[in-house]
Amino acid sequence: MHIAPGYDVDHPASLTAVVINYQTPDLLETAVRSFHRAYPTVPLLVIDNGSQDDSRARIEALGQELGPVLTPLLLEENIYHGPAMHRA
């Protein structure tokens, strides 16, 4: 496991990272795995903006794999990036 330099797993920062996705499941999976490798205890909120591809299934699979550190928010329609960030 490669943890980011200066990151203390025993004393993580008090924050939640947010990723907005819309029909980019490969990029999403790469980003989530990369972030989790570097910051394994930082909570990650993954918002899907109403994707019609397999993004939702991939988010659910990542949630099963990573456990409670990943929280999915699956929106029914694309509300676009800014409003999705506001939801976070």
PDB file of N, CA and C in Angstrom:
ATOM      1  N   MET A   1       0.856  -1.182   0.000  1.00  0.00           N
ATOM      2  CA  MET A   1       0.000   0.000   0.000  1.00  0.00           C
ATOM      3  C   MET A   1       0.897   1.239   0.000  1.00  0.00           C
ATOM      4  N   HIS A   2       0.600   2.190  -0.862  1.00  0.00           N
ATOM      5  CA  HIS A   2       1.342   3.444  -0.910  1.00  0.00           C
ATOM      6  C   HIS A   2       0.472   4.542  -0.313  1.00  0.00           C
ATOM      7  N   ILE A   3       0.878   5.032   0.848  1.00  0.00           N
ATOM      8  CA  ILE A   3       0.135   6.097   1.525  1.00  0.00           C
ATOM      9  C   ILE A   3       0.817   7.422   1.213  1.00  0.00           C
ATOM     10  N   ALA A   4       0.028   8.453   1.031  1.00  0.00           N
ATOM     11  CA  ALA A   4       0.555   9.771   0.679  1.00  0.00           C
ATOM     12  C   ALA A   4       1.569  10.249   1.717  1.00  0.00           C
ATOM     13  N   PRO A   5       2.660  10.875   1.268  1.00  0.00           N
ATOM     14  CA  PRO A   5       3.654  11.406   2.193  1.00  0.00           C
ATOM     15  C   PRO A   5       3.016  12.391   3.170  1.00  0.00           C
ATOM     16  N   GLY A   6       3.360  12.251   4.434  1.00  0.00           N
ATOM     17  CA  GLY A   6       2.847  13.163   5.454  1.00  0.00           C
ATOM     18  C   GLY A   6       1.488  12.791   5.994  1.00  0.00           C
ATOM     19  N   TYR A   7       0.837  11.790   5.411  1.00  0.00           N
ATOM     20  CA  TYR A   7      -0.487  11.381   5.880  1.00  0.00           C
ATOM     21  C   TYR A   7      -0.326  10.421   7.044  1.00  0.00           C
ATOM     22  N   ASP A   8      -0.981  10.719   8.152  1.00  0.00           N
ATOM     23  CA  ASP A   8      -0.903   9.903   9.361  1.00  0.00           C
ATOM     24  C   ASP A   8      -2.188   9.100   9.498  1.00  0.00           C
ATOM     25  N   VAL A   9      -2.110   7.809   9.241  1.00  0.00           N
ATOM     26  CA  VAL A   9      -3.286   6.942   9.284  1.00  0.00           C
ATOM     27  C   VAL A   9      -3.917   6.946  10.668  1.00  0.00           C
ATOM     28  N   ASP A  10      -3.106   7.084  11.705  1.00  0.00           N
ATOM     29  CA  ASP A  10      -3.621   7.069  13.077  1.00  0.00           C
ATOM     30  C   ASP A  10      -4.297   8.375  13.475  1.00  0.00           C
ATOM     31  N   HIS A  11      -4.031   9.446  12.749  1.00  0.00           N
ATOM     32  CA  HIS A  11      -4.619  10.757  13.049  1.00  0.00           C
ATOM     33  C   HIS A  11      -5.076  11.430  11.757  1.00  0.00           C
ATOM     34  N   PRO A  12      -6.088  10.861  11.109  1.00  0.00           N
ATOM     35  CA  PRO A  12      -6.523  11.423   9.825  1.00  0.00           C
ATOM     36  C   PRO A  12      -7.163  12.797   9.974  1.00  0.00           C
ATOM     37  N   ALA A  13      -7.111  13.542   8.897  1.00  0.00           N
ATOM     38  CA  ALA A  13      -7.750  14.861   8.870  1.00  0.00           C
ATOM     39  C   ALA A  13      -9.261  14.697   8.983  1.00  0.00           C
ATOM     40  N   SER A  14      -9.905  15.726   9.486  1.00  0.00           N
ATOM     41  CA  SER A  14     -11.361  15.697   9.621  1.00  0.00           C
ATOM     42  C   SER A  14     -11.974  16.297   8.361  1.00  0.00           C
ATOM     43  N   LEU A  15     -12.160  15.459   7.357  1.00  0.00           N
ATOM     44  CA  LEU A  15     -12.726  15.916   6.090  1.00  0.00           C
ATOM     45  C   LEU A  15     -13.349  14.730   5.374  1.00  0.00           C
ATOM     46  N   THR A  16     -14.148  15.036   4.379  1.00  0.00           N
ATOM     47  CA  THR A  16     -14.701  14.024   3.487  1.00  0.00           C
ATOM     48  C   THR A  16     -14.410  14.464   2.063  1.00  0.00           C
ATOM     49  N   ALA A  17     -13.832  13.575   1.287  1.00  0.00           N
ATOM     50  CA  ALA A  17     -13.572  13.864  -0.123  1.00  0.00           C
ATOM     51  C   ALA A  17     -14.840  13.575  -0.924  1.00  0.00           C
ATOM     52  N   VAL A  18     -15.029  14.311  -2.015  1.00  0.00           N
ATOM     53  CA  VAL A  18     -16.223  14.166  -2.849  1.00  0.00           C
ATOM     54  C   VAL A  18     -15.801  13.937  -4.298  1.00  0.00           C
ATOM     55  N   VAL A  19     -16.433  12.951  -4.929  1.00  0.00           N
ATOM     56  CA  VAL A  19     -16.227  12.685  -6.351  1.00  0.00           C
ATOM     57  C   VAL A  19     -17.593  12.721  -7.022  1.00  0.00           C
ATOM     58  N   ILE A  20     -17.696  13.499  -8.093  1.00  0.00           N
ATOM     59  CA  ILE A  20     -18.926  13.561  -8.884  1.00  0.00           C
ATOM     60  C   ILE A  20     -18.698  12.742 -10.153  1.00  0.00           C
ATOM     61  N   ASN A  21     -19.632  11.881 -10.479  1.00  0.00           N
ATOM     62  CA  ASN A  21     -19.508  11.034 -11.662  1.00  0.00           C
ATOM     63  C   ASN A  21     -20.720  11.200 -12.569  1.00  0.00           C
ATOM     64  N   TYR A  22     -20.454  11.205 -13.882  1.00  0.00           N
ATOM     65  CA  TYR A  22     -21.530  11.103 -14.860  1.00  0.00           C
ATOM     66  C   TYR A  22     -21.015  10.314 -16.055  1.00  0.00           C
ATOM     67  N   GLN A  23     -21.361   9.057 -16.099  1.00  0.00           N
ATOM     68  CA  GLN A  23     -21.076   8.172 -17.217  1.00  0.00           C
ATOM     69  C   GLN A  23     -19.594   8.043 -17.558  1.00  0.00           C
ATOM     70  N   THR A  24     -18.749   8.009 -16.535  1.00  0.00           N
ATOM     71  CA  THR A  24     -17.319   7.757 -16.722  1.00  0.00           C
ATOM     72  C   THR A  24     -16.868   6.683 -15.725  1.00  0.00           C
ATOM     73  N   PRO A  25     -17.401   5.458 -15.834  1.00  0.00           N
ATOM     74  CA  PRO A  25     -17.136   4.435 -14.823  1.00  0.00           C
ATOM     75  C   PRO A  25     -15.668   4.023 -14.719  1.00  0.00           C
ATOM     76  N   ASP A  26     -14.943   3.949 -15.836  1.00  0.00           N
ATOM     77  CA  ASP A  26     -13.531   3.567 -15.767  1.00  0.00           C
ATOM     78  C   ASP A  26     -12.720   4.628 -15.031  1.00  0.00           C
ATOM     79  N   LEU A  27     -12.932   5.883 -15.394  1.00  0.00           N
ATOM     80  CA  LEU A  27     -12.232   6.985 -14.738  1.00  0.00           C
ATOM     81  C   LEU A  27     -12.599   7.054 -13.259  1.00  0.00           C
ATOM     82  N   LEU A  28     -13.861   6.878 -12.949  1.00  0.00           N
ATOM     83  CA  LEU A  28     -14.317   6.892 -11.560  1.00  0.00           C
ATOM     84  C   LEU A  28     -13.617   5.813 -10.748  1.00  0.00           C
ATOM     85  N   GLU A  29     -13.602   4.596 -11.265  1.00  0.00           N
ATOM     86  CA  GLU A  29     -12.988   3.487 -10.532  1.00  0.00           C
ATOM     87  C   GLU A  29     -11.502   3.739 -10.305  1.00  0.00           C
ATOM     88  N   THR A  30     -10.813   4.238 -11.320  1.00  0.00           N
ATOM     89  CA  THR A  30      -9.393   4.563 -11.180  1.00  0.00           C
ATOM     90  C   THR A  30      -9.186   5.630 -10.111  1.00  0.00           C
ATOM     91  N   ALA A  31      -9.997   6.677 -10.141  1.00  0.00           N
ATOM     92  CA  ALA A  31      -9.861   7.773  -9.174  1.00  0.00           C
ATOM     93  C   ALA A  31     -10.132   7.301  -7.751  1.00  0.00           C
ATOM     94  N   VAL A  32     -11.192   6.524  -7.565  1.00  0.00           N
ATOM     95  CA  VAL A  32     -11.547   6.057  -6.220  1.00  0.00           C
ATOM     96  C   VAL A  32     -10.454   5.145  -5.666  1.00  0.00           C
ATOM     97  N   ARG A  33      -9.978   4.215  -6.469  1.00  0.00           N
ATOM     98  CA  ARG A  33      -8.925   3.305  -5.999  1.00  0.00           C
ATOM     99  C   ARG A  33      -7.629   4.063  -5.685  1.00  0.00           C
ATOM    100  N   SER A  34      -7.268   5.007  -6.531  1.00  0.00           N
ATOM    101  CA  SER A  34      -6.062   5.799  -6.301  1.00  0.00           C
ATOM    102  C   SER A  34      -6.181   6.608  -5.014  1.00  0.00           C
ATOM    103  N   PHE A  35      -7.320   7.265  -4.834  1.00  0.00           N
ATOM    104  CA  PHE A  35      -7.530   8.055  -3.620  1.00  0.00           C
ATOM    105  C   PHE A  35      -7.479   7.161  -2.388  1.00  0.00           C
ATOM    106  N   HIS A  36      -8.145   6.020  -2.448  1.00  0.00           N
ATOM    107  CA  HIS A  36      -8.194   5.121  -1.295  1.00  0.00           C
ATOM    108  C   HIS A  36      -6.811   4.557  -0.952  1.00  0.00           C
ATOM    109  N   ARG A  37      -5.988   4.291  -1.956  1.00  0.00           N
ATOM    110  CA  ARG A  37      -4.622   3.825  -1.689  1.00  0.00           C
ATOM    111  C   ARG A  37      -3.828   4.887  -0.937  1.00  0.00           C
ATOM    112  N   ALA A  38      -3.984   6.132  -1.333  1.00  0.00           N
ATOM    113  CA  ALA A  38      -3.214   7.219  -0.725  1.00  0.00           C
ATOM    114  C   ALA A  38      -3.778   7.658   0.620  1.00  0.00           C
ATOM    115  N   TYR A  39      -5.100   7.603   0.778  1.00  0.00           N
ATOM    116  CA  TYR A  39      -5.768   8.085   1.989  1.00  0.00           C
ATOM    117  C   TYR A  39      -6.796   7.048   2.445  1.00  0.00           C
ATOM    118  N   PRO A  40      -6.344   5.915   2.978  1.00  0.00           N
ATOM    119  CA  PRO A  40      -7.242   4.788   3.235  1.00  0.00           C
ATOM    120  C   PRO A  40      -8.314   5.011   4.294  1.00  0.00           C
ATOM    121  N   THR A  41      -8.150   6.008   5.142  1.00  0.00           N
ATOM    122  CA  THR A  41      -9.157   6.224   6.194  1.00  0.00           C
ATOM    123  C   THR A  41     -10.010   7.466   5.978  1.00  0.00           C
ATOM    124  N   VAL A  42      -9.748   8.219   4.919  1.00  0.00           N
ATOM    125  CA  VAL A  42     -10.532   9.431   4.651  1.00  0.00           C
ATOM    126  C   VAL A  42     -11.852   9.033   3.993  1.00  0.00           C
ATOM    127  N   PRO A  43     -12.981   9.463   4.566  1.00  0.00           N
ATOM    128  CA  PRO A  43     -14.281   9.147   3.964  1.00  0.00           C
ATOM    129  C   PRO A  43     -14.401   9.745   2.562  1.00  0.00           C
ATOM    130  N   LEU A  44     -15.066   8.997   1.695  1.00  0.00           N
ATOM    131  CA  LEU A  44     -15.227   9.412   0.307  1.00  0.00           C
ATOM    132  C   LEU A  44     -16.697   9.328  -0.069  1.00  0.00           C
ATOM    133  N   LEU A  45     -17.266  10.458  -0.453  1.00  0.00           N
ATOM    134  CA  LEU A  45     -18.645  10.519  -0.924  1.00  0.00           C
ATOM    135  C   LEU A  45     -18.610  10.494  -2.445  1.00  0.00           C
ATOM    136  N   VAL A  46     -19.216   9.477  -3.037  1.00  0.00           N
ATOM    137  CA  VAL A  46     -19.255   9.342  -4.491  1.00  0.00           C
ATOM    138  C   VAL A  46     -20.679   9.616  -4.945  1.00  0.00           C
ATOM    139  N   ILE A  47     -20.844  10.689  -5.719  1.00  0.00           N
ATOM    140  CA  ILE A  47     -22.162  11.078  -6.214  1.00  0.00           C
ATOM    141  C   ILE A  47     -22.255  10.714  -7.686  1.00  0.00           C
ATOM    142  N   ASP A  48     -23.240   9.892  -8.018  1.00  0.00           N
ATOM    143  CA  ASP A  48     -23.497   9.598  -9.419  1.00  0.00           C
ATOM    144  C   ASP A  48     -24.636  10.479  -9.892  1.00  0.00           C
ATOM    145  N   ASN A  49     -24.402  11.177 -10.981  1.00  0.00           N
ATOM    146  CA  ASN A  49     -25.317  12.187 -11.507  1.00  0.00           C
ATOM    147  C   ASN A  49     -26.294  11.592 -12.526  1.00  0.00           C
ATOM    148  N   GLY A  50     -26.950  10.494 -12.161  1.00  0.00           N
ATOM    149  CA  GLY A  50     -27.961   9.912 -13.042  1.00  0.00           C
ATOM    150  C   GLY A  50     -27.412   9.170 -14.241  1.00  0.00           C
ATOM    151  N   SER A  51     -26.246   8.554 -14.101  1.00  0.00           N
ATOM    152  CA  SER A  51     -25.645   7.820 -15.221  1.00  0.00           C
ATOM    153  C   SER A  51     -26.555   6.713 -15.717  1.00  0.00           C
ATOM    154  N   GLN A  52     -26.500   6.472 -17.041  1.00  0.00           N
ATOM    155  CA  GLN A  52     -27.277   5.404 -17.667  1.00  0.00           C
ATOM    156  C   GLN A  52     -26.396   4.218 -18.075  1.00  0.00           C
ATOM    157  N   ASP A  53     -25.111   4.271 -17.748  1.00  0.00           N
ATOM    158  CA  ASP A  53     -24.200   3.169 -18.061  1.00  0.00           C
ATOM    159  C   ASP A  53     -24.049   2.280 -16.820  1.00  0.00           C
ATOM    160  N   ASP A  54     -22.923   1.610 -16.654  1.00  0.00           N
ATOM    161  CA  ASP A  54     -22.752   0.739 -15.490  1.00  0.00           C
ATOM    162  C   ASP A  54     -22.088   1.437 -14.303  1.00  0.00           C
ATOM    163  N   SER A  55     -22.089   2.761 -14.285  1.00  0.00           N
ATOM    164  CA  SER A  55     -21.472   3.509 -13.185  1.00  0.00           C
ATOM    165  C   SER A  55     -22.055   3.137 -11.826  1.00  0.00           C
ATOM    166  N   ARG A  56     -23.365   3.049 -11.738  1.00  0.00           N
ATOM    167  CA  ARG A  56     -24.009   2.754 -10.453  1.00  0.00           C
ATOM    168  C   ARG A  56     -23.581   1.394  -9.923  1.00  0.00           C
ATOM    169  N   ALA A  57     -23.537   0.399 -10.792  1.00  0.00           N
ATOM    170  CA  ALA A  57     -23.110  -0.937 -10.367  1.00  0.00           C
ATOM    171  C   ALA A  57     -21.664  -0.910  -9.891  1.00  0.00           C
ATOM    172  N   ARG A  58     -20.829  -0.136 -10.567  1.00  0.00           N
ATOM    173  CA  ARG A  58     -19.422  -0.040 -10.155  1.00  0.00           C
ATOM    174  C   ARG A  58     -19.292   0.668  -8.816  1.00  0.00           C
ATOM    175  N   ILE A  59     -20.088   1.708  -8.606  1.00  0.00           N
ATOM    176  CA  ILE A  59     -20.057   2.417  -7.322  1.00  0.00           C
ATOM    177  C   ILE A  59     -20.492   1.480  -6.202  1.00  0.00           C
ATOM    178  N   GLU A  60     -21.543   0.723  -6.438  1.00  0.00           N
ATOM    179  CA  GLU A  60     -22.011  -0.223  -5.423  1.00  0.00           C
ATOM    180  C   GLU A  60     -20.954  -1.287  -5.139  1.00  0.00           C
ATOM    181  N   ALA A  61     -20.276  -1.783  -6.175  1.00  0.00           N
ATOM    182  CA  ALA A  61     -19.215  -2.777  -5.986  1.00  0.00           C
ATOM    183  C   ALA A  61     -18.045  -2.188  -5.200  1.00  0.00           C
ATOM    184  N   LEU A  62     -17.677  -0.948  -5.513  1.00  0.00           N
ATOM    185  CA  LEU A  62     -16.606  -0.287  -4.759  1.00  0.00           C
ATOM    186  C   LEU A  62     -17.006  -0.103  -3.304  1.00  0.00           C
ATOM    187  N   GLY A  63     -18.266   0.229  -3.066  1.00  0.00           N
ATOM    188  CA  GLY A  63     -18.754   0.368  -1.699  1.00  0.00           C
ATOM    189  C   GLY A  63     -18.650  -0.934  -0.927  1.00  0.00           C
ATOM    190  N   GLN A  64     -18.983  -2.049  -1.574  1.00  0.00           N
ATOM    191  CA  GLN A  64     -18.855  -3.364  -0.932  1.00  0.00           C
ATOM    192  C   GLN A  64     -17.392  -3.674  -0.631  1.00  0.00           C
ATOM    193  N   GLU A  65     -16.520  -3.330  -1.562  1.00  0.00           N
ATOM    194  CA  GLU A  65     -15.096  -3.621  -1.413  1.00  0.00           C
ATOM    195  C   GLU A  65     -14.436  -2.751  -0.348  1.00  0.00           C
ATOM    196  N   LEU A  66     -14.728  -1.453  -0.363  1.00  0.00           N
ATOM    197  CA  LEU A  66     -14.035  -0.520   0.526  1.00  0.00           C
ATOM    198  C   LEU A  66     -14.721  -0.352   1.870  1.00  0.00           C
ATOM    199  N   GLY A  67     -15.967  -0.747   1.957  1.00  0.00           N
ATOM    200  CA  GLY A  67     -16.688  -0.678   3.227  1.00  0.00           C
ATOM    201  C   GLY A  67     -17.176   0.720   3.546  1.00  0.00           C
ATOM    202  N   PRO A  68     -17.296   1.012   4.842  1.00  0.00           N
ATOM    203  CA  PRO A  68     -17.954   2.253   5.264  1.00  0.00           C
ATOM    204  C   PRO A  68     -17.199   3.537   4.929  1.00  0.00           C
ATOM    205  N   VAL A  69     -15.970   3.441   4.444  1.00  0.00           N
ATOM    206  CA  VAL A  69     -15.236   4.647   4.065  1.00  0.00           C
ATOM    207  C   VAL A  69     -15.851   5.294   2.819  1.00  0.00           C
ATOM    208  N   LEU A  70     -16.595   4.506   2.014  1.00  0.00           N
ATOM    209  CA  LEU A  70     -17.220   5.030   0.800  1.00  0.00           C
ATOM    210  C   LEU A  70     -18.728   5.120   0.992  1.00  0.00           C
ATOM    211  N   THR A  71     -19.258   6.318   0.760  1.00  0.00           N
ATOM    212  CA  THR A  71     -20.701   6.536   0.824  1.00  0.00           C
ATOM    213  C   THR A  71     -21.197   6.901  -0.571  1.00  0.00           C
ATOM    214  N   PRO A  72     -22.087   6.093  -1.148  1.00  0.00           N
ATOM    215  CA  PRO A  72     -22.635   6.430  -2.457  1.00  0.00           C
ATOM    216  C   PRO A  72     -23.881   7.304  -2.339  1.00  0.00           C
ATOM    217  N   LEU A  73     -24.033   8.223  -3.265  1.00  0.00           N
ATOM    218  CA  LEU A  73     -25.265   9.003  -3.409  1.00  0.00           C
ATOM    219  C   LEU A  73     -25.637   8.905  -4.887  1.00  0.00           C
ATOM    220  N   LEU A  74     -26.687   8.140  -5.174  1.00  0.00           N
ATOM    221  CA  LEU A  74     -27.077   7.856  -6.556  1.00  0.00           C
ATOM    222  C   LEU A  74     -28.284   8.703  -6.920  1.00  0.00           C
ATOM    223  N   LEU A  75     -28.050   9.742  -7.710  1.00  0.00           N
ATOM    224  CA  LEU A  75     -29.121  10.647  -8.114  1.00  0.00           C
ATOM    225  C   LEU A  75     -29.875  10.066  -9.307  1.00  0.00           C
ATOM    226  N   GLU A  76     -31.144  10.374  -9.399  1.00  0.00           N
ATOM    227  CA  GLU A  76     -31.981   9.851 -10.475  1.00  0.00           C
ATOM    228  C   GLU A  76     -31.761  10.570 -11.805  1.00  0.00           C
ATOM    229  N   GLU A  77     -31.313  11.826 -11.749  1.00  0.00           N
ATOM    230  CA  GLU A  77     -31.082  12.584 -12.978  1.00  0.00           C
ATOM    231  C   GLU A  77     -29.823  13.411 -12.836  1.00  0.00           C
ATOM    232  N   ASN A  78     -29.291  13.849 -13.967  1.00  0.00           N
ATOM    233  CA  ASN A  78     -28.087  14.665 -13.982  1.00  0.00           C
ATOM    234  C   ASN A  78     -28.455  16.091 -13.581  1.00  0.00           C
ATOM    235  N   ILE A  79     -28.011  16.485 -12.396  1.00  0.00           N
ATOM    236  CA  ILE A  79     -28.255  17.853 -11.935  1.00  0.00           C
ATOM    237  C   ILE A  79     -27.027  18.736 -12.182  1.00  0.00           C
ATOM    238  N   TYR A  80     -26.027  18.170 -12.841  1.00  0.00           N
ATOM    239  CA  TYR A  80     -24.784  18.832 -13.213  1.00  0.00           C
ATOM    240  C   TYR A  80     -23.852  18.978 -12.020  1.00  0.00           C
ATOM    241  N   HIS A  81     -22.605  19.333 -12.327  1.00  0.00           N
ATOM    242  CA  HIS A  81     -21.526  19.273 -11.342  1.00  0.00           C
ATOM    243  C   HIS A  81     -21.747  20.195 -10.136  1.00  0.00           C
ATOM    244  N   GLY A  82     -22.008  21.466 -10.388  1.00  0.00           N
ATOM    245  CA  GLY A  82     -22.152  22.424  -9.281  1.00  0.00           C
ATOM    246  C   GLY A  82     -23.248  22.044  -8.305  1.00  0.00           C
ATOM    247  N   PRO A  83     -24.464  21.801  -8.769  1.00  0.00           N
ATOM    248  CA  PRO A  83     -25.528  21.391  -7.855  1.00  0.00           C
ATOM    249  C   PRO A  83     -25.227  20.065  -7.145  1.00  0.00           C
ATOM    250  N   ALA A  84     -24.525  19.162  -7.829  1.00  0.00           N
ATOM    251  CA  ALA A  84     -24.155  17.902  -7.171  1.00  0.00           C
ATOM    252  C   ALA A  84     -23.171  18.168  -6.037  1.00  0.00           C
ATOM    253  N   MET A  85     -22.224  19.076  -6.247  1.00  0.00           N
ATOM    254  CA  MET A  85     -21.299  19.452  -5.166  1.00  0.00           C
ATOM    255  C   MET A  85     -22.066  20.085  -4.014  1.00  0.00           C
ATOM    256  N   HIS A  86     -23.052  20.882  -4.341  1.00  0.00           N
ATOM    257  CA  HIS A  86     -23.870  21.507  -3.299  1.00  0.00           C
ATOM    258  C   HIS A  86     -24.583  20.439  -2.470  1.00  0.00           C
ATOM    259  N   ARG A  87     -25.033  19.372  -3.109  1.00  0.00           N
ATOM    260  CA  ARG A  87     -25.682  18.267  -2.398  1.00  0.00           C
ATOM    261  C   ARG A  87     -24.736  17.622  -1.391  1.00  0.00           C
ATOM    262  N   ALA A  88     -23.449  17.601  -1.750  1.00  0.00           N
ATOM    263  CA  ALA A  88     -22.451  16.966  -0.881  1.00  0.00           C
ATOM    264  C   ALA A  88     -22.386  17.688   0.439  1.00  0.00           C
TER     265      ALA A  88
END
